[in-house]
Every structure is written in C-alpha cells, then in structure tokens.
Amino acid sequence: MNQKLIALLAALLSFFAASQANAASISFYLDQSNDLLDGVNYAEVTISDSTSVSGDIDFEVELLALAFTVSGMNFGMQDFLFNVDDMVSLQAENIINLSQSEWKIAQNKNGGGGFGKYDFKLFGNGRSRTEMLTFSISGITGDTIYSYATGSSLNPDADEFFSTHIAGFDLVDGVTSAKFAGSTSVVPVPASAWLLISGLLGLITVARRKM
C-alpha cells in the first residue's frame, strides 16, 4: 500500500467507527399492510438525538423505493402516526420543524387498516403527500429516543410502534393506496463487523510503521 492510500483508509475507517459509536439513533421498518403482503420493508423510521439542538429528538420517515412501482405523480405518505411512552408529557406544540408545513397534528387517532389507535397523528391531504418526512420533538425533559419506540395504551391499542397511509403507487392486487405499520428493528452493524474494522485499523497502523 502506498502511504496516501493507507492514510485515506485510516481516515475513512476512523470516521465510520467514531460516527457509529457516537450516533444515538434507532431505526425500524414498517413491514405490515392491510392490503399488501406482510414482511416487505415498505418504509423506515429513524429516531435520533438531535445533532443541532441539545435535548431535541429528530424523526426521519422514508419510503423505501424498492417496495413500490410508481409511474404517475403524487406518490407518498399522507399521514404518519406514532406513540409516546406514558411517562412523557408530549403536546402538539412540542412537535416542531415539520417538513410538511401544511400538515396538521392530532392526538389519539386511529391508524386505520386494523392497526389501532396512536398517540399522535401527523397528516395532510392528497396534494401534500411526501416520500420523506422529518420533524423534531423539543422541550421535553427526560425523554430519550426510546420514549417514542413503543406501543400505545389506548383502546384499541396499537401494538405496532408506527403507522402510515401511503398512496399513489401503481396498481397492486387491485389497490393503489394502503395502510402500513411496523416496529421491526433495523439490524445494527454486528459485533463481528466492528472487530473487522478494528483489525483493519490495526493492520493499517502496522503498515504505516513499516513504511
């Protein structure tokens, strides 16, 4: 290895390892549907500690393109529902920086599709659908990213952590619109991968010394 390549690899691996170690975030798949096949990853929800405002929690909800075929316009989420741990006193005014500014916020709403009621619902109309939704939760003392990864205690309760209505995809089994929900954890980088990264960093260090 030449010295420049070694330095580049070292920098990249160090950055990756450090960013993963310091990033407080969890991700979940929405892989259930009332009309389409279960077990398909239709959307991903990531909850993270804010990197810009200390104490805030950031949400990112993204539709997964491989799950849908779209040839027309106006494809996307029309709502997003989530739950809150009973120990957290969350109000609508604590939900800020909603990327879809025209969307509204409601509490204790049914997700539809047999998925039960959720503590909070963010929603718009057919003209404001989106493939990516972001927002932050601010001004809450004592909450963590895990405070928003929970089922509801409402009646009927929502066993799945999250729910969404997605519409505008190409016809599948007679439908172009369906309800989706889920709480399947995205598998984190396994310990063996971190061992491999550590080993590569060690080899790079040895190679540097020999050079």
C-alpha atoms as a PDB file:
ATOM      1  CA  MET A   1       0.000   0.000   0.000  1.00  0.00           C
ATOM      2  CA  ASN A   2       1.258   3.462  -0.711  1.00  0.00           C
ATOM      3  CA  GLN A   3       1.234   5.981   2.084  1.00  0.00           C
ATOM      4  CA  LYS A   4      -1.604   8.124   0.686  1.00  0.00           C
ATOM      5  CA  LEU A   5      -3.926   5.120   0.333  1.00  0.00           C
ATOM      6  CA  ILE A   6      -3.141   3.969   3.875  1.00  0.00           C
ATOM      7  CA  ALA A   7      -3.896   7.432   5.227  1.00  0.00           C
ATOM      8  CA  LEU A   8      -7.178   7.615   3.320  1.00  0.00           C
ATOM      9  CA  LEU A   9      -8.336   4.186   4.516  1.00  0.00           C
ATOM     10  CA  ALA A  10      -7.404   5.023   8.088  1.00  0.00           C
ATOM     11  CA  ALA A  11      -9.314   8.288   7.988  1.00  0.00           C
ATOM     12  CA  LEU A  12     -12.413   6.690   6.457  1.00  0.00           C
ATOM     13  CA  LEU A  13     -12.498   3.782   8.910  1.00  0.00           C
ATOM     14  CA  SER A  14     -11.871   6.027  11.895  1.00  0.00           C
ATOM     15  CA  PHE A  15     -14.651   8.376  10.816  1.00  0.00           C
ATOM     16  CA  PHE A  16     -17.085   5.496  10.274  1.00  0.00           C
ATOM     17  CA  ALA A  17     -16.303   3.888  13.615  1.00  0.00           C
ATOM     18  CA  ALA A  18     -16.495   7.159  15.524  1.00  0.00           C
ATOM     19  CA  SER A  19     -19.725   8.280  13.886  1.00  0.00           C
ATOM     20  CA  GLN A  20     -21.403   4.933  14.589  1.00  0.00           C
ATOM     21  CA  ALA A  21     -20.210   4.874  18.179  1.00  0.00           C
ATOM     22  CA  ASN A  22     -21.409   8.401  18.910  1.00  0.00           C
ATOM     23  CA  ALA A  23     -24.691   8.309  16.993  1.00  0.00           C
ATOM     24  CA  ALA A  24     -27.622   7.731  19.346  1.00  0.00           C
ATOM     25  CA  SER A  25     -30.284   6.519  16.950  1.00  0.00           C
ATOM     26  CA  ILE A  26     -32.628   3.605  16.378  1.00  0.00           C
ATOM     27  CA  SER A  27     -34.419   2.550  13.210  1.00  0.00           C
ATOM     28  CA  PHE A  28     -37.496   0.473  12.455  1.00  0.00           C
ATOM     29  CA  TYR A  29     -39.145  -0.957   9.357  1.00  0.00           C
ATOM     30  CA  LEU A  30     -42.829  -0.659   8.544  1.00  0.00           C
ATOM     31  CA  ASP A  31     -43.395  -4.136   7.136  1.00  0.00           C
ATOM     32  CA  GLN A  32     -47.099  -4.774   7.738  1.00  0.00           C
ATOM     33  CA  SER A  33     -50.009  -3.804   5.492  1.00  0.00           C
ATOM     34  CA  ASN A  34     -53.765  -4.127   5.491  1.00  0.00           C
ATOM     35  CA  ASP A  35     -53.928  -4.763   1.718  1.00  0.00           C
ATOM     36  CA  LEU A  36     -50.449  -5.768   0.507  1.00  0.00           C
ATOM     37  CA  LEU A  37     -48.025  -8.515   1.526  1.00  0.00           C
ATOM     38  CA  ASP A  38     -46.662  -8.514   5.064  1.00  0.00           C
ATOM     39  CA  GLY A  39     -42.941  -8.931   5.591  1.00  0.00           C
ATOM     40  CA  VAL A  40     -41.909  -6.355   2.968  1.00  0.00           C
ATOM     41  CA  ASN A  41     -39.962  -3.310   4.182  1.00  0.00           C
ATOM     42  CA  TYR A  42     -42.180  -0.506   2.896  1.00  0.00           C
ATOM     43  CA  ALA A  43     -40.807   2.374   4.956  1.00  0.00           C
ATOM     44  CA  GLU A  44     -38.116   3.101   7.545  1.00  0.00           C
ATOM     45  CA  VAL A  45     -38.418   5.256  10.660  1.00  0.00           C
ATOM     46  CA  THR A  46     -35.246   6.584  12.300  1.00  0.00           C
ATOM     47  CA  ILE A  47     -35.295   8.315  15.692  1.00  0.00           C
ATOM     48  CA  SER A  48     -32.116  10.143  16.699  1.00  0.00           C
ATOM     49  CA  ASP A  49     -30.706  12.519  19.261  1.00  0.00           C
ATOM     50  CA  SER A  50     -30.521  15.872  17.539  1.00  0.00           C
ATOM     51  CA  THR A  51     -27.046  16.896  16.409  1.00  0.00           C
ATOM     52  CA  SER A  52     -28.069  20.572  16.181  1.00  0.00           C
ATOM     53  CA  VAL A  53     -30.168  21.236  19.305  1.00  0.00           C
ATOM     54  CA  SER A  54     -29.174  19.575  22.564  1.00  0.00           C
ATOM     55  CA  GLY A  55     -32.034  17.626  24.108  1.00  0.00           C
ATOM     56  CA  ASP A  56     -34.192  17.505  20.976  1.00  0.00           C
ATOM     57  CA  ILE A  57     -35.202  14.271  19.268  1.00  0.00           C
ATOM     58  CA  ASP A  58     -35.285  14.023  15.455  1.00  0.00           C
ATOM     59  CA  PHE A  59     -37.564  11.804  13.381  1.00  0.00           C
ATOM     60  CA  GLU A  60     -36.993  10.767   9.785  1.00  0.00           C
ATOM     61  CA  VAL A  61     -39.591   8.680   7.939  1.00  0.00           C
ATOM     62  CA  GLU A  62     -38.589   7.467   4.479  1.00  0.00           C
ATOM     63  CA  LEU A  63     -40.473   5.364   1.946  1.00  0.00           C
ATOM     64  CA  LEU A  64     -38.307   2.580   0.518  1.00  0.00           C
ATOM     65  CA  ALA A  65     -38.314   2.858  -3.261  1.00  0.00           C
ATOM     66  CA  LEU A  66     -37.746  -0.849  -3.923  1.00  0.00           C
ATOM     67  CA  ALA A  67     -41.078  -1.701  -2.284  1.00  0.00           C
ATOM     68  CA  PHE A  68     -43.162   0.282  -4.790  1.00  0.00           C
ATOM     69  CA  THR A  69     -43.556   0.756  -8.516  1.00  0.00           C
ATOM     70  CA  VAL A  70     -44.568   4.299  -9.352  1.00  0.00           C
ATOM     71  CA  SER A  71     -45.243   5.598 -12.848  1.00  0.00           C
ATOM     72  CA  GLY A  72     -47.551   8.504 -12.013  1.00  0.00           C
ATOM     73  CA  MET A  73     -47.450  11.616  -9.880  1.00  0.00           C
ATOM     74  CA  ASN A  74     -48.451  12.343  -6.280  1.00  0.00           C
ATOM     75  CA  PHE A  75     -46.978   9.239  -4.661  1.00  0.00           C
ATOM     76  CA  GLY A  76     -46.165   9.316  -0.961  1.00  0.00           C
ATOM     77  CA  MET A  77     -47.244   9.301   2.675  1.00  0.00           C
ATOM     78  CA  GLN A  78     -50.426  11.113   3.552  1.00  0.00           C
ATOM     79  CA  ASP A  79     -50.050  10.678   7.300  1.00  0.00           C
ATOM     80  CA  PHE A  80     -47.724   9.302   9.965  1.00  0.00           C
ATOM     81  CA  LEU A  81     -48.716   8.047  13.417  1.00  0.00           C
ATOM     82  CA  PHE A  82     -46.553   7.252  16.426  1.00  0.00           C
ATOM     83  CA  ASN A  83     -46.816   6.503  20.141  1.00  0.00           C
ATOM     84  CA  VAL A  84     -45.255   8.033  23.223  1.00  0.00           C
ATOM     85  CA  ASP A  85     -44.174   6.428  26.472  1.00  0.00           C
ATOM     86  CA  ASP A  86     -46.731   7.112  29.213  1.00  0.00           C
ATOM     87  CA  MET A  87     -44.011   8.788  31.310  1.00  0.00           C
ATOM     88  CA  VAL A  88     -43.525  11.506  28.666  1.00  0.00           C
ATOM     89  CA  SER A  89     -45.858  14.505  28.616  1.00  0.00           C
ATOM     90  CA  LEU A  90     -45.834  15.372  24.915  1.00  0.00           C
ATOM     91  CA  GLN A  91     -48.102  18.059  23.445  1.00  0.00           C
ATOM     92  CA  ALA A  92     -48.651  19.115  19.847  1.00  0.00           C
ATOM     93  CA  GLU A  93     -46.594  22.290  20.369  1.00  0.00           C
ATOM     94  CA  ASN A  94     -43.544  20.144  21.198  1.00  0.00           C
ATOM     95  CA  ILE A  95     -43.562  18.765  17.643  1.00  0.00           C
ATOM     96  CA  ILE A  96     -41.584  21.257  15.559  1.00  0.00           C
ATOM     97  CA  ASN A  97     -39.743  21.635  12.244  1.00  0.00           C
ATOM     98  CA  LEU A  98     -42.316  19.535  10.401  1.00  0.00           C
ATOM     99  CA  SER A  99     -41.006  19.233   6.841  1.00  0.00           C
ATOM    100  CA  GLN A 100     -44.567  19.291   5.500  1.00  0.00           C
ATOM    101  CA  SER A 101     -45.562  22.660   6.930  1.00  0.00           C
ATOM    102  CA  GLU A 102     -49.181  22.330   5.794  1.00  0.00           C
ATOM    103  CA  TRP A 103     -49.681  19.084   7.733  1.00  0.00           C
ATOM    104  CA  LYS A 104     -51.668  19.129  10.952  1.00  0.00           C
ATOM    105  CA  ILE A 105     -51.266  17.348  14.285  1.00  0.00           C
ATOM    106  CA  ALA A 106     -53.948  15.393  16.142  1.00  0.00           C
ATOM    107  CA  GLN A 107     -53.970  13.120  19.178  1.00  0.00           C
ATOM    108  CA  ASN A 108     -55.473   9.704  19.897  1.00  0.00           C
ATOM    109  CA  LYS A 109     -56.305   8.849  16.289  1.00  0.00           C
ATOM    110  CA  ASN A 110     -56.914   5.511  14.598  1.00  0.00           C
ATOM    111  CA  GLY A 111     -54.267   4.446  12.125  1.00  0.00           C
ATOM    112  CA  GLY A 112     -56.791   2.519  10.030  1.00  0.00           C
ATOM    113  CA  GLY A 113     -56.243  -0.874   8.475  1.00  0.00           C
ATOM    114  CA  GLY A 114     -56.885  -2.580  11.796  1.00  0.00           C
ATOM    115  CA  PHE A 115     -53.720  -1.170  13.341  1.00  0.00           C
ATOM    116  CA  GLY A 116     -55.404   0.526  16.297  1.00  0.00           C
ATOM    117  CA  LYS A 117     -55.104   3.982  17.847  1.00  0.00           C
ATOM    118  CA  TYR A 118     -51.917   6.005  18.132  1.00  0.00           C
ATOM    119  CA  ASP A 119     -50.987   8.805  20.490  1.00  0.00           C
ATOM    120  CA  PHE A 120     -50.134  11.284  17.718  1.00  0.00           C
ATOM    121  CA  LYS A 121     -51.055  11.651  14.069  1.00  0.00           C
ATOM    122  CA  LEU A 122     -49.340  13.995  11.607  1.00  0.00           C
ATOM    123  CA  PHE A 123     -51.408  14.326   8.448  1.00  0.00           C
ATOM    124  CA  GLY A 124     -52.074  16.231   5.261  1.00  0.00           C
ATOM    125  CA  ASN A 125     -54.195  15.786   2.170  1.00  0.00           C
ATOM    126  CA  GLY A 126     -53.661  14.150  -1.197  1.00  0.00           C
ATOM    127  CA  ARG A 127     -51.796  17.191  -2.516  1.00  0.00           C
ATOM    128  CA  SER A 128     -49.236  17.166   0.292  1.00  0.00           C
ATOM    129  CA  ARG A 129     -48.029  13.560   0.118  1.00  0.00           C
ATOM    130  CA  THR A 130     -44.316  13.056   0.644  1.00  0.00           C
ATOM    131  CA  GLU A 131     -41.725  10.318   0.281  1.00  0.00           C
ATOM    132  CA  MET A 132     -39.658  11.753   3.139  1.00  0.00           C
ATOM    133  CA  LEU A 133     -40.981  13.238   6.365  1.00  0.00           C
ATOM    134  CA  THR A 134     -38.851  14.869   9.058  1.00  0.00           C
ATOM    135  CA  PHE A 135     -39.716  16.594  12.312  1.00  0.00           C
ATOM    136  CA  SER A 136     -38.296  17.204  15.772  1.00  0.00           C
ATOM    137  CA  ILE A 137     -39.564  16.882  19.324  1.00  0.00           C
ATOM    138  CA  SER A 138     -38.424  19.732  21.541  1.00  0.00           C
ATOM    139  CA  GLY A 139     -38.887  20.974  25.090  1.00  0.00           C
ATOM    140  CA  ILE A 140     -39.422  17.602  26.761  1.00  0.00           C
ATOM    141  CA  THR A 141     -37.460  16.842  29.932  1.00  0.00           C
ATOM    142  CA  GLY A 142     -36.272  13.306  30.474  1.00  0.00           C
ATOM    143  CA  ASP A 143     -37.223  11.789  27.115  1.00  0.00           C
ATOM    144  CA  THR A 144     -34.904   9.629  25.025  1.00  0.00           C
ATOM    145  CA  ILE A 145     -35.091   8.134  21.560  1.00  0.00           C
ATOM    146  CA  TYR A 146     -36.666   5.057  23.176  1.00  0.00           C
ATOM    147  CA  SER A 147     -39.556   7.133  24.544  1.00  0.00           C
ATOM    148  CA  TYR A 148     -41.047   7.123  21.030  1.00  0.00           C
ATOM    149  CA  ALA A 149     -40.477   3.459  20.177  1.00  0.00           C
ATOM    150  CA  THR A 150     -43.426   1.930  21.988  1.00  0.00           C
ATOM    151  CA  GLY A 151     -46.917   0.565  21.572  1.00  0.00           C
ATOM    152  CA  SER A 152     -49.909   2.582  22.731  1.00  0.00           C
ATOM    153  CA  SER A 153     -52.098   2.063  25.781  1.00  0.00           C
ATOM    154  CA  LEU A 154     -55.180   3.446  24.050  1.00  0.00           C
ATOM    155  CA  ASN A 155     -58.320   1.454  23.352  1.00  0.00           C
ATOM    156  CA  PRO A 156     -57.929  -0.168  20.901  1.00  0.00           C
ATOM    157  CA  ASP A 157     -54.201  -0.151  21.447  1.00  0.00           C
ATOM    158  CA  ALA A 158     -51.649  -0.050  18.624  1.00  0.00           C
ATOM    159  CA  ASP A 159     -49.195  -2.921  19.011  1.00  0.00           C
ATOM    160  CA  GLU A 160     -47.039  -1.618  16.171  1.00  0.00           C
ATOM    161  CA  PHE A 161     -44.979   1.448  17.035  1.00  0.00           C
ATOM    162  CA  PHE A 162     -45.728   3.391  13.832  1.00  0.00           C
ATOM    163  CA  SER A 163     -48.324   3.597  11.084  1.00  0.00           C
ATOM    164  CA  THR A 164     -48.736   5.445   7.792  1.00  0.00           C
ATOM    165  CA  HIS A 165     -51.086   5.781   4.833  1.00  0.00           C
ATOM    166  CA  ILE A 166     -49.230   5.507   1.518  1.00  0.00           C
ATOM    167  CA  ALA A 167     -50.979   6.249  -1.781  1.00  0.00           C
ATOM    168  CA  GLY A 168     -50.257   6.860  -5.445  1.00  0.00           C
ATOM    169  CA  PHE A 169     -48.285   3.695  -6.254  1.00  0.00           C
ATOM    170  CA  ASP A 170     -49.019   1.554  -9.311  1.00  0.00           C
ATOM    171  CA  LEU A 171     -51.870  -0.920  -9.082  1.00  0.00           C
ATOM    172  CA  VAL A 172     -51.040  -3.899  -6.842  1.00  0.00           C
ATOM    173  CA  ASP A 173     -53.697  -6.541  -6.153  1.00  0.00           C
ATOM    174  CA  GLY A 174     -56.341  -4.032  -7.172  1.00  0.00           C
ATOM    175  CA  VAL A 175     -55.176  -1.182  -4.898  1.00  0.00           C
ATOM    176  CA  THR A 176     -53.123   1.989  -5.275  1.00  0.00           C
ATOM    177  CA  SER A 177     -53.438   3.045  -1.630  1.00  0.00           C
ATOM    178  CA  ALA A 178     -52.959   1.134   1.622  1.00  0.00           C
ATOM    179  CA  LYS A 179     -52.208   1.357   5.327  1.00  0.00           C
ATOM    180  CA  PHE A 180     -48.822   0.276   6.651  1.00  0.00           C
ATOM    181  CA  ALA A 181     -47.424  -0.251  10.131  1.00  0.00           C
ATOM    182  CA  GLY A 182     -44.474  -1.776  11.910  1.00  0.00           C
ATOM    183  CA  SER A 183     -41.928  -1.918  14.677  1.00  0.00           C
ATOM    184  CA  THR A 184     -39.328  -4.297  13.260  1.00  0.00           C
ATOM    185  CA  SER A 185     -35.861  -3.179  14.328  1.00  0.00           C
ATOM    186  CA  VAL A 186     -33.346  -2.478  11.600  1.00  0.00           C
ATOM    187  CA  VAL A 187     -30.458  -4.827  12.294  1.00  0.00           C
ATOM    188  CA  PRO A 188     -27.467  -2.807  13.575  1.00  0.00           C
ATOM    189  CA  VAL A 189     -23.901  -3.387  12.449  1.00  0.00           C
ATOM    190  CA  PRO A 190     -22.911  -6.708  14.097  1.00  0.00           C
ATOM    191  CA  ALA A 191     -20.070  -7.002  16.584  1.00  0.00           C
ATOM    192  CA  SER A 192     -18.069  -9.057  14.070  1.00  0.00           C
ATOM    193  CA  ALA A 193     -18.055  -6.072  11.707  1.00  0.00           C
ATOM    194  CA  TRP A 194     -16.602  -3.852  14.423  1.00  0.00           C
ATOM    195  CA  LEU A 195     -13.910  -6.486  15.021  1.00  0.00           C
ATOM    196  CA  LEU A 196     -13.113  -6.443  11.315  1.00  0.00           C
ATOM    197  CA  ILE A 197     -12.911  -2.639  11.325  1.00  0.00           C
ATOM    198  CA  SER A 198     -10.641  -2.711  14.377  1.00  0.00           C
ATOM    199  CA  GLY A 199      -8.437  -5.319  12.711  1.00  0.00           C
ATOM    200  CA  LEU A 200      -8.138  -3.252   9.541  1.00  0.00           C
ATOM    201  CA  LEU A 201      -7.190  -0.198  11.559  1.00  0.00           C
ATOM    202  CA  GLY A 202      -4.540  -2.258  13.317  1.00  0.00           C
ATOM    203  CA  LEU A 203      -3.111  -3.547  10.027  1.00  0.00           C
ATOM    204  CA  ILE A 204      -3.003  -0.019   8.655  1.00  0.00           C
ATOM    205  CA  THR A 205      -1.102   1.145  11.741  1.00  0.00           C
ATOM    206  CA  VAL A 206       1.423  -1.692  11.336  1.00  0.00           C
ATOM    207  CA  ALA A 207       1.840  -0.930   7.620  1.00  0.00           C
ATOM    208  CA  ARG A 208       2.454   2.719   8.417  1.00  0.00           C
ATOM    209  CA  ARG A 209       5.169   1.863  10.895  1.00  0.00           C
ATOM    210  CA  LYS A 210       6.924  -0.447   8.423  1.00  0.00           C
ATOM    211  CA  MET A 211       6.904   2.264   5.815  1.00  0.00           C
END
